[in-house]
């Protein structure tokens, strides 16, 4: 499977409602998802203890903690330890923190326990101002840190090729609300597409996920042909 669902509760989904919201979406979309990406909105709205229940109930191949860590290695390692205890098996960190005393420590903490995913470019326009200009350097840092995967945007598929040439697993956000169509990133070499609001904002998340997976397959068949 090539779909990762971003579980970010939006405005108006608070407290116990956020917990039930996440559990319901996990249940409905699980047949179509390779994994789930859970970030700060869910952590803050659901809380640490109940979020453990969410990760346990989702229990997918990839349970990604998306806090986009960007600190010294000691602090990132402390956070990673807690995230692993919460049931996550992958952690996203910014590559711009560098390797020495940063990603090297985080990588050591995750070794044998979880996957390191770095951010080399983002799906919003602001990424073009700085990150996109140094994407090759960020990929170099990611490889030195032994990253399993790297985030590269579906909204700018040309960048995906840079990461693919380095042999990294590519996870691409930006599908749906941000403008890229399902299958766009996969056809450019990505391994997974990350989709959030197009699924989680639907009155029928399971059906929305099914349609996205179907659209991915159709796009892949077309671009391979």
N, C-alpha and C. Protein backbone atom coordinates (compact mmCIF):
# COMPACT_ATOMS: atom_id res chain seq x y z
N UNK A 1 0.84 -1.20 0.00
CA UNK A 1 0.00 0.00 0.00
C UNK A 1 0.88 1.25 0.00
N UNK A 2 0.35 2.33 -0.57
CA UNK A 2 1.15 3.54 -0.77
C UNK A 2 0.54 4.78 -0.13
N UNK A 3 -0.50 4.61 0.66
CA UNK A 3 -1.20 5.74 1.28
C UNK A 3 -0.86 5.84 2.76
N UNK A 4 -0.45 7.04 3.17
CA UNK A 4 -0.29 7.35 4.59
C UNK A 4 -1.30 8.45 4.92
N UNK A 5 -2.08 8.25 5.95
CA UNK A 5 -3.12 9.20 6.32
C UNK A 5 -2.65 10.08 7.47
N UNK A 6 -2.74 11.40 7.27
CA UNK A 6 -2.35 12.36 8.30
C UNK A 6 -3.54 12.64 9.21
N UNK A 7 -3.39 12.27 10.47
CA UNK A 7 -4.47 12.46 11.45
C UNK A 7 -4.25 13.76 12.21
N UNK A 8 -4.75 14.85 11.66
CA UNK A 8 -4.63 16.16 12.29
C UNK A 8 -6.02 16.72 12.54
N UNK A 9 -6.55 16.60 13.77
CA UNK A 9 -7.88 17.13 14.05
C UNK A 9 -7.93 18.64 13.83
N UNK A 10 -8.92 19.08 13.08
CA UNK A 10 -9.04 20.49 12.74
C UNK A 10 -9.80 21.30 13.77
N UNK A 11 -10.08 22.56 13.45
CA UNK A 11 -10.83 23.43 14.37
C UNK A 11 -12.18 22.80 14.74
N UNK A 12 -12.53 22.92 16.01
CA UNK A 12 -13.82 22.38 16.46
C UNK A 12 -13.77 20.94 16.91
N UNK A 13 -12.65 20.27 16.64
CA UNK A 13 -12.50 18.88 17.09
C UNK A 13 -11.55 18.91 18.28
N UNK A 14 -12.11 18.89 19.48
CA UNK A 14 -11.31 19.08 20.69
C UNK A 14 -11.51 17.93 21.68
N UNK A 15 -10.55 17.78 22.59
CA UNK A 15 -10.67 16.88 23.73
C UNK A 15 -11.14 15.48 23.39
N UNK A 16 -12.19 15.04 24.07
CA UNK A 16 -12.70 13.68 23.86
C UNK A 16 -13.21 13.51 22.43
N UNK A 17 -13.68 14.58 21.83
CA UNK A 17 -14.13 14.51 20.44
C UNK A 17 -12.96 14.20 19.52
N UNK A 18 -11.80 14.79 19.81
CA UNK A 18 -10.62 14.54 18.99
C UNK A 18 -10.19 13.08 19.12
N UNK A 19 -10.28 12.54 20.31
CA UNK A 19 -9.93 11.13 20.54
C UNK A 19 -10.85 10.22 19.74
N UNK A 20 -12.15 10.44 19.83
CA UNK A 20 -13.11 9.61 19.10
C UNK A 20 -12.96 9.80 17.60
N UNK A 21 -12.67 11.03 17.19
CA UNK A 21 -12.46 11.34 15.77
C UNK A 21 -11.30 10.52 15.21
N UNK A 22 -10.17 10.51 15.94
CA UNK A 22 -9.00 9.77 15.47
C UNK A 22 -9.25 8.27 15.45
N UNK A 23 -9.91 7.75 16.48
CA UNK A 23 -10.20 6.32 16.53
C UNK A 23 -11.12 5.91 15.38
N UNK A 24 -12.12 6.75 15.10
CA UNK A 24 -13.08 6.42 14.04
C UNK A 24 -12.40 6.41 12.68
N UNK A 25 -11.58 7.42 12.41
CA UNK A 25 -10.91 7.49 11.11
C UNK A 25 -9.95 6.32 10.95
N UNK A 26 -9.20 6.00 12.00
CA UNK A 26 -8.29 4.83 11.95
C UNK A 26 -9.06 3.59 11.52
N UNK A 27 -10.18 3.36 12.17
CA UNK A 27 -10.98 2.17 11.89
C UNK A 27 -11.46 2.14 10.44
N UNK A 28 -11.94 3.29 9.96
CA UNK A 28 -12.55 3.34 8.63
C UNK A 28 -11.54 3.27 7.49
N UNK A 29 -10.36 3.86 7.69
CA UNK A 29 -9.41 3.93 6.57
C UNK A 29 -8.31 2.87 6.64
N UNK A 30 -8.24 2.16 7.75
CA UNK A 30 -7.15 1.18 7.94
C UNK A 30 -7.00 0.18 6.79
N UNK A 31 -8.10 -0.30 6.18
CA UNK A 31 -7.93 -1.25 5.07
C UNK A 31 -7.17 -0.68 3.87
N UNK A 32 -7.08 0.65 3.77
CA UNK A 32 -6.48 1.27 2.60
C UNK A 32 -5.14 1.95 2.89
N UNK A 33 -4.71 1.96 4.15
CA UNK A 33 -3.56 2.75 4.55
C UNK A 33 -2.36 1.90 4.95
N UNK A 34 -1.19 2.32 4.48
CA UNK A 34 0.05 1.68 4.91
C UNK A 34 0.46 2.22 6.27
N UNK A 35 -0.04 3.38 6.63
CA UNK A 35 0.32 3.95 7.92
C UNK A 35 -0.42 5.23 8.22
N UNK A 36 -0.12 5.77 9.40
CA UNK A 36 -0.73 7.01 9.85
C UNK A 36 0.35 7.96 10.34
N UNK A 37 0.16 9.24 10.06
CA UNK A 37 1.08 10.28 10.50
C UNK A 37 0.33 11.16 11.50
N UNK A 38 0.87 11.26 12.70
CA UNK A 38 0.19 11.99 13.76
C UNK A 38 1.11 13.11 14.25
N UNK A 39 0.58 14.34 14.26
CA UNK A 39 1.40 15.49 14.59
C UNK A 39 0.97 16.21 15.86
N UNK A 40 1.47 17.43 16.00
CA UNK A 40 1.22 18.23 17.20
C UNK A 40 -0.26 18.51 17.47
N UNK A 41 -1.09 18.82 16.43
CA UNK A 41 -2.49 19.07 16.74
C UNK A 41 -3.15 17.91 17.48
N UNK A 42 -2.88 16.68 17.06
CA UNK A 42 -3.46 15.52 17.73
C UNK A 42 -2.88 15.36 19.13
N UNK A 43 -1.57 15.53 19.26
CA UNK A 43 -0.94 15.38 20.57
C UNK A 43 -1.51 16.37 21.58
N UNK A 44 -1.68 17.63 21.15
CA UNK A 44 -2.17 18.67 22.05
C UNK A 44 -3.65 18.51 22.35
N UNK A 45 -4.42 18.07 21.37
CA UNK A 45 -5.87 17.97 21.57
C UNK A 45 -6.28 16.68 22.28
N UNK A 46 -5.57 15.61 22.00
CA UNK A 46 -5.96 14.31 22.57
C UNK A 46 -5.24 14.04 23.88
N UNK A 47 -3.99 14.48 23.99
CA UNK A 47 -3.21 14.23 25.19
C UNK A 47 -2.38 12.97 25.06
N UNK A 48 -1.29 12.92 25.83
CA UNK A 48 -0.33 11.82 25.70
C UNK A 48 -0.95 10.47 25.98
N UNK A 49 -1.65 10.33 27.12
CA UNK A 49 -2.16 9.02 27.51
C UNK A 49 -3.18 8.48 26.53
N UNK A 50 -4.10 9.31 26.10
CA UNK A 50 -5.13 8.82 25.18
C UNK A 50 -4.57 8.62 23.78
N UNK A 51 -3.51 9.38 23.45
CA UNK A 51 -2.90 9.19 22.14
C UNK A 51 -2.24 7.81 22.06
N UNK A 52 -1.76 7.31 23.18
CA UNK A 52 -1.23 5.95 23.22
C UNK A 52 -2.31 4.95 22.80
N UNK A 53 -3.54 5.20 23.21
CA UNK A 53 -4.64 4.32 22.84
C UNK A 53 -4.92 4.40 21.34
N UNK A 54 -4.76 5.60 20.79
CA UNK A 54 -4.97 5.77 19.35
C UNK A 54 -3.91 5.01 18.56
N UNK A 55 -2.64 5.16 18.95
CA UNK A 55 -1.58 4.45 18.21
C UNK A 55 -1.77 2.94 18.33
N UNK A 56 -2.25 2.49 19.48
CA UNK A 56 -2.47 1.06 19.68
C UNK A 56 -3.61 0.55 18.81
N UNK A 57 -4.67 1.34 18.69
CA UNK A 57 -5.82 0.89 17.89
C UNK A 57 -5.54 1.00 16.40
N UNK A 58 -4.75 2.00 15.98
CA UNK A 58 -4.40 2.12 14.56
C UNK A 58 -3.47 0.97 14.15
N UNK A 59 -2.42 0.78 14.90
CA UNK A 59 -1.49 -0.35 14.76
C UNK A 59 -1.22 -0.71 13.30
N UNK A 60 -0.74 0.27 12.54
CA UNK A 60 -0.43 0.05 11.13
C UNK A 60 1.06 -0.23 10.95
N UNK A 61 1.43 -0.58 9.74
CA UNK A 61 2.84 -0.83 9.40
C UNK A 61 3.71 0.36 9.78
N UNK A 62 3.22 1.56 9.49
CA UNK A 62 3.94 2.79 9.81
C UNK A 62 3.10 3.65 10.74
N UNK A 63 3.62 3.91 11.93
CA UNK A 63 2.99 4.84 12.86
C UNK A 63 4.00 5.97 13.06
N UNK A 64 3.76 7.07 12.36
CA UNK A 64 4.76 8.13 12.25
C UNK A 64 4.43 9.29 13.19
N UNK A 65 5.38 9.63 14.04
CA UNK A 65 5.24 10.81 14.90
C UNK A 65 5.81 12.01 14.15
N UNK A 66 4.93 12.93 13.80
CA UNK A 66 5.35 14.08 13.00
C UNK A 66 5.40 15.34 13.85
N UNK A 67 6.43 15.43 14.69
CA UNK A 67 6.65 16.65 15.45
C UNK A 67 7.70 17.53 14.78
N UNK A 68 8.22 17.06 13.65
CA UNK A 68 9.27 17.77 12.91
C UNK A 68 10.34 18.30 13.89
N UNK A 69 10.98 17.36 14.56
CA UNK A 69 11.97 17.72 15.57
C UNK A 69 13.08 18.56 14.97
N UNK A 70 13.48 19.59 15.69
CA UNK A 70 14.54 20.50 15.22
C UNK A 70 15.22 21.11 16.43
N UNK A 71 16.10 20.32 17.05
CA UNK A 71 16.75 20.75 18.28
C UNK A 71 18.13 20.10 18.36
N UNK A 72 18.81 20.30 19.46
CA UNK A 72 20.08 19.59 19.64
C UNK A 72 19.78 18.11 19.84
N UNK A 73 20.79 17.29 19.60
CA UNK A 73 20.58 15.85 19.63
C UNK A 73 20.07 15.33 20.95
N UNK A 74 20.56 15.87 22.06
CA UNK A 74 20.14 15.40 23.38
C UNK A 74 18.63 15.55 23.56
N UNK A 75 18.10 16.71 23.19
CA UNK A 75 16.66 16.96 23.35
C UNK A 75 15.86 16.08 22.39
N UNK A 76 16.31 15.99 21.14
CA UNK A 76 15.56 15.16 20.18
C UNK A 76 15.54 13.70 20.62
N UNK A 77 16.62 13.23 21.22
CA UNK A 77 16.67 11.85 21.68
C UNK A 77 15.70 11.62 22.83
N UNK A 78 15.60 12.59 23.75
CA UNK A 78 14.64 12.48 24.84
C UNK A 78 13.21 12.38 24.31
N UNK A 79 12.91 13.23 23.35
CA UNK A 79 11.57 13.23 22.75
C UNK A 79 11.30 11.91 22.03
N UNK A 80 12.29 11.44 21.27
CA UNK A 80 12.12 10.18 20.53
C UNK A 80 11.85 9.01 21.45
N UNK A 81 12.54 8.97 22.59
CA UNK A 81 12.29 7.91 23.57
C UNK A 81 10.83 7.88 23.99
N UNK A 82 10.28 9.05 24.27
CA UNK A 82 8.88 9.13 24.70
C UNK A 82 7.93 8.73 23.57
N UNK A 83 8.26 9.15 22.36
CA UNK A 83 7.40 8.80 21.22
C UNK A 83 7.39 7.30 20.96
N UNK A 84 8.54 6.66 21.10
CA UNK A 84 8.59 5.20 20.94
C UNK A 84 7.76 4.52 22.01
N UNK A 85 7.79 5.05 23.22
CA UNK A 85 6.98 4.49 24.31
C UNK A 85 5.49 4.68 24.08
N UNK A 86 5.14 5.66 23.25
CA UNK A 86 3.73 5.92 22.95
C UNK A 86 3.20 5.02 21.84
N UNK A 87 4.06 4.23 21.22
CA UNK A 87 3.61 3.31 20.18
C UNK A 87 3.97 3.70 18.77
N UNK A 88 4.76 4.77 18.62
CA UNK A 88 5.21 5.15 17.28
C UNK A 88 6.42 4.31 16.88
N UNK A 89 6.57 4.07 15.58
CA UNK A 89 7.75 3.34 15.10
C UNK A 89 8.53 4.12 14.05
N UNK A 90 8.20 5.41 13.90
CA UNK A 90 8.94 6.29 13.00
C UNK A 90 8.81 7.71 13.52
N UNK A 91 9.87 8.49 13.34
CA UNK A 91 9.91 9.85 13.86
C UNK A 91 10.43 10.78 12.76
N UNK A 92 9.74 11.91 12.58
CA UNK A 92 10.15 12.90 11.58
C UNK A 92 10.95 14.01 12.26
N UNK A 93 12.10 14.35 11.66
CA UNK A 93 12.94 15.44 12.15
C UNK A 93 13.42 16.27 10.96
N UNK A 94 13.70 17.54 11.22
CA UNK A 94 14.22 18.41 10.16
C UNK A 94 15.70 18.10 9.90
N UNK A 95 16.05 17.98 8.64
CA UNK A 95 17.45 17.73 8.27
C UNK A 95 18.32 18.96 8.48
N UNK A 96 17.73 20.15 8.52
CA UNK A 96 18.55 21.36 8.61
C UNK A 96 19.26 21.49 9.96
N UNK A 97 18.93 20.66 10.95
CA UNK A 97 19.65 20.71 12.23
C UNK A 97 21.08 20.20 12.06
N UNK A 98 21.35 19.46 10.96
CA UNK A 98 22.68 18.94 10.71
C UNK A 98 22.91 17.59 11.38
N UNK A 99 24.09 17.07 11.16
CA UNK A 99 24.42 15.73 11.67
C UNK A 99 25.06 15.78 13.06
N UNK A 100 26.18 16.48 13.20
CA UNK A 100 26.96 16.45 14.43
C UNK A 100 26.18 17.03 15.61
N UNK A 101 26.08 16.25 16.67
CA UNK A 101 25.38 16.65 17.89
C UNK A 101 23.89 16.94 17.66
N UNK A 102 23.35 16.42 16.58
CA UNK A 102 21.93 16.61 16.28
C UNK A 102 21.34 15.30 15.76
N UNK A 103 21.30 15.14 14.45
CA UNK A 103 20.71 13.93 13.88
C UNK A 103 21.51 12.67 14.22
N UNK A 104 22.80 12.81 14.47
CA UNK A 104 23.57 11.61 14.83
C UNK A 104 23.05 11.02 16.15
N UNK A 105 22.68 11.86 17.11
CA UNK A 105 22.16 11.39 18.39
C UNK A 105 20.76 10.79 18.23
N UNK A 106 19.94 11.47 17.45
CA UNK A 106 18.59 10.97 17.22
C UNK A 106 18.62 9.64 16.50
N UNK A 107 19.48 9.53 15.52
CA UNK A 107 19.62 8.29 14.77
C UNK A 107 20.05 7.14 15.68
N UNK A 108 20.98 7.42 16.59
CA UNK A 108 21.46 6.40 17.52
C UNK A 108 20.34 5.95 18.45
N UNK A 109 19.50 6.88 18.87
CA UNK A 109 18.38 6.54 19.75
C UNK A 109 17.37 5.66 19.04
N UNK A 110 17.15 5.91 17.77
CA UNK A 110 16.14 5.17 17.01
C UNK A 110 16.66 3.84 16.48
N UNK A 111 17.96 3.67 16.42
CA UNK A 111 18.54 2.49 15.79
C UNK A 111 17.99 1.19 16.42
N UNK A 112 17.41 0.35 15.58
CA UNK A 112 16.87 -0.91 16.05
C UNK A 112 15.53 -0.79 16.74
N UNK A 113 15.02 0.43 16.87
CA UNK A 113 13.76 0.65 17.58
C UNK A 113 12.72 1.36 16.73
N UNK A 114 13.18 2.17 15.78
CA UNK A 114 12.24 2.91 14.95
C UNK A 114 12.96 3.55 13.77
N UNK A 115 12.19 4.10 12.86
CA UNK A 115 12.74 4.67 11.63
C UNK A 115 12.91 6.18 11.77
N UNK A 116 14.01 6.67 11.22
CA UNK A 116 14.24 8.11 11.14
C UNK A 116 13.79 8.60 9.76
N UNK A 117 12.92 9.59 9.77
CA UNK A 117 12.46 10.25 8.54
C UNK A 117 12.84 11.72 8.64
N UNK A 118 13.53 12.24 7.65
CA UNK A 118 13.93 13.64 7.68
C UNK A 118 13.12 14.46 6.70
N UNK A 119 13.08 15.76 6.94
CA UNK A 119 12.41 16.70 6.04
C UNK A 119 13.48 17.42 5.23
N UNK A 120 13.43 17.23 3.90
CA UNK A 120 14.38 17.90 3.02
C UNK A 120 13.71 19.02 2.22
N UNK A 121 12.40 18.98 2.12
CA UNK A 121 11.62 20.03 1.45
C UNK A 121 10.18 19.87 1.93
N UNK A 122 9.42 20.95 1.83
CA UNK A 122 8.03 20.91 2.31
C UNK A 122 7.07 21.29 1.20
N UNK A 123 5.78 21.03 1.45
CA UNK A 123 4.79 21.16 0.37
C UNK A 123 4.23 22.57 0.20
N UNK A 124 4.52 23.47 1.15
CA UNK A 124 3.99 24.84 1.04
C UNK A 124 4.96 25.72 0.23
N UNK A 125 4.48 26.87 -0.20
CA UNK A 125 5.28 27.74 -1.07
C UNK A 125 6.54 28.26 -0.37
N UNK A 126 6.48 28.48 0.94
CA UNK A 126 7.61 29.02 1.66
C UNK A 126 8.85 28.15 1.59
N UNK A 127 8.67 26.86 1.32
CA UNK A 127 9.81 25.95 1.22
C UNK A 127 10.75 26.37 0.08
N UNK A 128 10.22 27.04 -0.92
CA UNK A 128 11.02 27.47 -2.06
C UNK A 128 12.01 28.57 -1.66
N UNK A 129 11.73 29.29 -0.56
CA UNK A 129 12.55 30.42 -0.17
C UNK A 129 13.92 29.99 0.34
N UNK A 130 13.98 28.88 1.07
CA UNK A 130 15.25 28.43 1.63
C UNK A 130 15.49 26.94 1.42
N UNK A 131 14.56 26.10 1.87
CA UNK A 131 14.81 24.65 1.89
C UNK A 131 15.08 24.08 0.51
N UNK A 132 14.27 24.46 -0.46
CA UNK A 132 14.43 23.91 -1.81
C UNK A 132 15.81 24.25 -2.40
N UNK A 133 16.36 25.39 -1.98
CA UNK A 133 17.65 25.82 -2.53
C UNK A 133 18.82 24.98 -2.02
N UNK A 134 18.62 24.33 -0.89
CA UNK A 134 19.71 23.53 -0.31
C UNK A 134 19.29 22.06 -0.16
N UNK A 135 18.36 21.64 -1.00
CA UNK A 135 17.81 20.29 -0.86
C UNK A 135 18.89 19.22 -0.98
N UNK A 136 19.88 19.42 -1.84
CA UNK A 136 20.94 18.43 -2.00
C UNK A 136 21.75 18.31 -0.70
N UNK A 137 22.02 19.43 -0.05
CA UNK A 137 22.74 19.40 1.22
C UNK A 137 21.93 18.68 2.30
N UNK A 138 20.63 18.93 2.31
CA UNK A 138 19.76 18.29 3.30
C UNK A 138 19.67 16.79 3.06
N UNK A 139 19.71 16.39 1.82
CA UNK A 139 19.73 14.96 1.50
C UNK A 139 21.05 14.33 1.93
N UNK A 140 22.15 15.05 1.75
CA UNK A 140 23.46 14.56 2.20
C UNK A 140 23.45 14.31 3.71
N UNK A 141 22.90 15.25 4.45
CA UNK A 141 22.81 15.11 5.91
C UNK A 141 21.94 13.91 6.27
N UNK A 142 20.83 13.76 5.56
CA UNK A 142 19.91 12.66 5.82
C UNK A 142 20.59 11.31 5.64
N UNK A 143 21.34 11.19 4.57
CA UNK A 143 22.05 9.93 4.29
C UNK A 143 23.11 9.68 5.34
N UNK A 144 23.84 10.71 5.72
CA UNK A 144 24.88 10.55 6.74
C UNK A 144 24.28 10.09 8.07
N UNK A 145 23.05 10.55 8.35
CA UNK A 145 22.38 10.17 9.59
C UNK A 145 21.73 8.79 9.51
N UNK A 146 21.78 8.17 8.34
CA UNK A 146 21.18 6.85 8.19
C UNK A 146 19.67 6.88 8.15
N UNK A 147 19.11 7.99 7.64
CA UNK A 147 17.65 8.10 7.57
C UNK A 147 17.06 6.99 6.70
N UNK A 148 15.94 6.45 7.15
CA UNK A 148 15.20 5.46 6.36
C UNK A 148 14.45 6.15 5.23
N UNK A 149 13.88 7.31 5.55
CA UNK A 149 13.07 8.01 4.56
C UNK A 149 13.25 9.51 4.63
N UNK A 150 12.70 10.17 3.62
CA UNK A 150 12.79 11.63 3.56
C UNK A 150 11.48 12.18 3.01
N UNK A 151 11.06 13.31 3.55
CA UNK A 151 9.84 13.97 3.09
C UNK A 151 10.20 14.88 1.92
N UNK A 152 9.52 14.65 0.78
CA UNK A 152 9.70 15.46 -0.43
C UNK A 152 8.30 15.75 -0.98
N UNK A 153 8.00 16.98 -1.38
CA UNK A 153 6.63 17.37 -1.68
C UNK A 153 6.08 16.89 -3.03
N UNK A 154 4.84 16.46 -3.00
CA UNK A 154 4.15 16.11 -4.23
C UNK A 154 3.84 17.34 -5.06
N UNK A 155 3.82 18.49 -4.42
CA UNK A 155 3.51 19.75 -5.11
C UNK A 155 4.66 20.21 -6.02
N UNK A 156 5.87 19.67 -5.79
CA UNK A 156 7.00 19.96 -6.66
C UNK A 156 7.71 18.65 -6.97
N UNK A 157 7.11 17.85 -7.86
CA UNK A 157 7.59 16.48 -8.09
C UNK A 157 9.03 16.40 -8.59
N UNK A 158 9.56 17.48 -9.17
CA UNK A 158 10.94 17.45 -9.66
C UNK A 158 11.91 17.15 -8.52
N UNK A 159 11.59 17.65 -7.32
CA UNK A 159 12.47 17.45 -6.17
C UNK A 159 12.52 15.98 -5.75
N UNK A 160 11.45 15.25 -6.01
CA UNK A 160 11.38 13.85 -5.60
C UNK A 160 12.51 13.05 -6.23
N UNK A 161 12.84 13.39 -7.46
CA UNK A 161 13.90 12.68 -8.17
C UNK A 161 15.25 12.78 -7.49
N UNK A 162 15.50 13.94 -6.82
CA UNK A 162 16.76 14.11 -6.10
C UNK A 162 16.90 13.07 -4.99
N UNK A 163 15.81 12.89 -4.25
CA UNK A 163 15.85 11.93 -3.15
C UNK A 163 15.88 10.50 -3.63
N UNK A 164 15.17 10.25 -4.72
CA UNK A 164 15.12 8.88 -5.24
C UNK A 164 16.50 8.43 -5.72
N UNK A 165 17.25 9.34 -6.32
CA UNK A 165 18.59 8.99 -6.80
C UNK A 165 19.52 8.59 -5.65
N UNK A 166 19.20 9.06 -4.45
CA UNK A 166 20.04 8.75 -3.28
C UNK A 166 19.62 7.45 -2.61
N UNK A 167 18.58 6.80 -3.12
CA UNK A 167 18.16 5.51 -2.56
C UNK A 167 17.32 5.61 -1.30
N UNK A 168 16.77 6.78 -1.03
CA UNK A 168 15.94 6.97 0.15
C UNK A 168 14.47 6.64 -0.14
N UNK A 169 13.76 6.20 0.88
CA UNK A 169 12.32 6.04 0.78
C UNK A 169 11.70 7.44 0.79
N UNK A 170 10.82 7.70 -0.17
CA UNK A 170 10.25 9.04 -0.31
C UNK A 170 8.80 9.06 0.16
N UNK A 171 8.51 9.98 1.07
CA UNK A 171 7.14 10.19 1.56
C UNK A 171 6.72 11.58 1.12
N UNK A 172 5.61 11.67 0.38
CA UNK A 172 5.23 12.94 -0.24
C UNK A 172 3.89 13.47 0.25
N UNK A 173 3.92 14.61 0.95
CA UNK A 173 2.68 15.32 1.30
C UNK A 173 2.27 16.26 0.17
N UNK A 174 1.11 16.87 0.34
CA UNK A 174 0.65 17.87 -0.63
C UNK A 174 -0.42 17.36 -1.57
N UNK A 175 -0.88 16.12 -1.35
CA UNK A 175 -1.94 15.55 -2.19
C UNK A 175 -3.30 16.07 -1.73
N UNK A 176 -4.12 16.48 -2.68
CA UNK A 176 -5.48 16.88 -2.35
C UNK A 176 -5.63 18.37 -2.15
N UNK A 177 -5.84 18.79 -0.90
CA UNK A 177 -6.13 20.20 -0.59
C UNK A 177 -5.02 21.13 -1.07
N UNK A 178 -3.76 20.68 -1.00
CA UNK A 178 -2.64 21.54 -1.40
C UNK A 178 -2.38 21.53 -2.91
N UNK A 179 -3.13 20.72 -3.63
CA UNK A 179 -3.10 20.86 -5.08
C UNK A 179 -2.63 19.70 -5.92
N UNK A 180 -1.82 18.80 -5.36
CA UNK A 180 -1.32 17.67 -6.16
C UNK A 180 -2.37 16.56 -6.24
N UNK A 181 -2.46 15.92 -7.39
CA UNK A 181 -3.43 14.84 -7.57
C UNK A 181 -2.85 13.51 -7.08
N UNK A 182 -3.72 12.61 -6.61
CA UNK A 182 -3.24 11.29 -6.21
C UNK A 182 -2.46 10.61 -7.34
N UNK A 183 -1.32 10.05 -6.99
CA UNK A 183 -0.48 9.38 -7.98
C UNK A 183 0.61 10.26 -8.55
N UNK A 184 0.50 11.58 -8.39
CA UNK A 184 1.50 12.51 -8.93
C UNK A 184 2.89 12.20 -8.40
N UNK A 185 2.99 12.07 -7.09
CA UNK A 185 4.30 11.81 -6.47
C UNK A 185 4.78 10.40 -6.76
N UNK A 186 3.87 9.44 -6.75
CA UNK A 186 4.25 8.05 -7.04
C UNK A 186 4.84 7.93 -8.43
N UNK A 187 4.25 8.62 -9.38
CA UNK A 187 4.76 8.58 -10.75
C UNK A 187 6.12 9.26 -10.88
N UNK A 188 6.44 10.12 -9.93
CA UNK A 188 7.74 10.80 -9.94
C UNK A 188 8.79 10.04 -9.15
N UNK A 189 8.39 8.92 -8.53
CA UNK A 189 9.36 8.10 -7.81
C UNK A 189 9.13 7.96 -6.32
N UNK A 190 8.09 8.61 -5.78
CA UNK A 190 7.82 8.49 -4.35
C UNK A 190 7.33 7.08 -4.02
N UNK A 191 7.52 6.71 -2.77
CA UNK A 191 7.07 5.40 -2.29
C UNK A 191 5.71 5.49 -1.60
N UNK A 192 5.45 6.64 -0.98
CA UNK A 192 4.18 6.85 -0.27
C UNK A 192 3.68 8.26 -0.55
N UNK A 193 2.36 8.40 -0.58
CA UNK A 193 1.74 9.73 -0.62
C UNK A 193 1.01 9.95 0.70
N UNK A 194 1.21 11.12 1.28
CA UNK A 194 0.58 11.48 2.54
C UNK A 194 -0.65 12.33 2.25
N UNK A 195 -1.79 11.90 2.74
CA UNK A 195 -3.05 12.62 2.50
C UNK A 195 -3.73 12.86 3.83
N UNK A 196 -4.15 14.11 4.05
CA UNK A 196 -4.83 14.45 5.29
C UNK A 196 -6.26 14.86 5.08
N UNK A 197 -6.48 16.17 4.85
CA UNK A 197 -7.82 16.74 4.88
C UNK A 197 -8.77 16.17 3.84
N UNK A 198 -8.26 15.72 2.69
CA UNK A 198 -9.14 15.14 1.67
C UNK A 198 -9.83 13.88 2.19
N UNK A 199 -9.19 13.24 3.17
CA UNK A 199 -9.77 12.04 3.78
C UNK A 199 -10.44 12.38 5.11
N UNK A 200 -9.69 13.04 6.00
CA UNK A 200 -10.20 13.27 7.35
C UNK A 200 -11.34 14.29 7.37
N UNK A 201 -11.42 15.15 6.36
CA UNK A 201 -12.51 16.12 6.30
C UNK A 201 -13.73 15.61 5.58
N UNK A 202 -13.66 14.38 5.08
CA UNK A 202 -14.79 13.80 4.35
C UNK A 202 -15.82 13.24 5.32
N UNK A 203 -17.11 13.31 4.96
CA UNK A 203 -18.13 12.68 5.80
C UNK A 203 -18.01 11.15 5.81
N UNK A 204 -17.29 10.60 4.81
CA UNK A 204 -17.06 9.16 4.74
C UNK A 204 -15.57 8.92 4.47
N UNK A 205 -14.74 8.98 5.52
CA UNK A 205 -13.29 8.86 5.34
C UNK A 205 -12.86 7.56 4.67
N UNK A 206 -13.52 6.47 5.00
CA UNK A 206 -13.15 5.19 4.40
C UNK A 206 -13.34 5.19 2.89
N UNK A 207 -14.46 5.73 2.45
CA UNK A 207 -14.74 5.79 1.02
C UNK A 207 -13.78 6.77 0.33
N UNK A 208 -13.48 7.88 1.00
CA UNK A 208 -12.53 8.84 0.44
C UNK A 208 -11.15 8.21 0.27
N UNK A 209 -10.72 7.43 1.27
CA UNK A 209 -9.43 6.75 1.18
C UNK A 209 -9.43 5.73 0.05
N UNK A 210 -10.53 5.00 -0.08
CA UNK A 210 -10.63 4.00 -1.15
C UNK A 210 -10.50 4.66 -2.52
N UNK A 211 -11.15 5.80 -2.70
CA UNK A 211 -11.10 6.49 -3.99
C UNK A 211 -9.70 7.03 -4.28
N UNK A 212 -9.00 7.48 -3.25
CA UNK A 212 -7.65 7.97 -3.46
C UNK A 212 -6.71 6.84 -3.85
N UNK A 213 -6.85 5.70 -3.20
CA UNK A 213 -6.02 4.54 -3.56
C UNK A 213 -6.32 4.10 -4.99
N UNK A 214 -7.58 4.14 -5.36
CA UNK A 214 -7.96 3.78 -6.73
C UNK A 214 -7.36 4.77 -7.73
N UNK A 215 -7.40 6.06 -7.39
CA UNK A 215 -6.83 7.07 -8.27
C UNK A 215 -5.31 6.91 -8.37
N UNK A 216 -4.66 6.53 -7.27
CA UNK A 216 -3.22 6.26 -7.30
C UNK A 216 -2.91 5.14 -8.29
N UNK A 217 -3.68 4.07 -8.21
CA UNK A 217 -3.45 2.92 -9.08
C UNK A 217 -3.65 3.28 -10.55
N UNK A 218 -4.68 4.06 -10.81
CA UNK A 218 -4.95 4.48 -12.19
C UNK A 218 -3.82 5.36 -12.72
N UNK A 219 -3.35 6.30 -11.87
CA UNK A 219 -2.25 7.17 -12.29
C UNK A 219 -0.98 6.38 -12.54
N UNK A 220 -0.70 5.41 -11.68
CA UNK A 220 0.51 4.60 -11.84
C UNK A 220 0.44 3.76 -13.11
N UNK A 221 -0.72 3.20 -13.38
CA UNK A 221 -0.88 2.40 -14.59
C UNK A 221 -0.65 3.25 -15.83
N UNK A 222 -1.14 4.49 -15.79
CA UNK A 222 -1.01 5.40 -16.92
C UNK A 222 0.44 5.84 -17.12
N UNK A 223 1.11 6.22 -16.02
CA UNK A 223 2.47 6.74 -16.18
C UNK A 223 3.47 5.61 -16.52
N UNK A 224 3.19 4.40 -16.08
CA UNK A 224 4.06 3.28 -16.42
C UNK A 224 3.89 2.88 -17.88
N UNK A 225 2.65 3.07 -18.38
CA UNK A 225 2.39 2.76 -19.79
C UNK A 225 3.08 3.77 -20.70
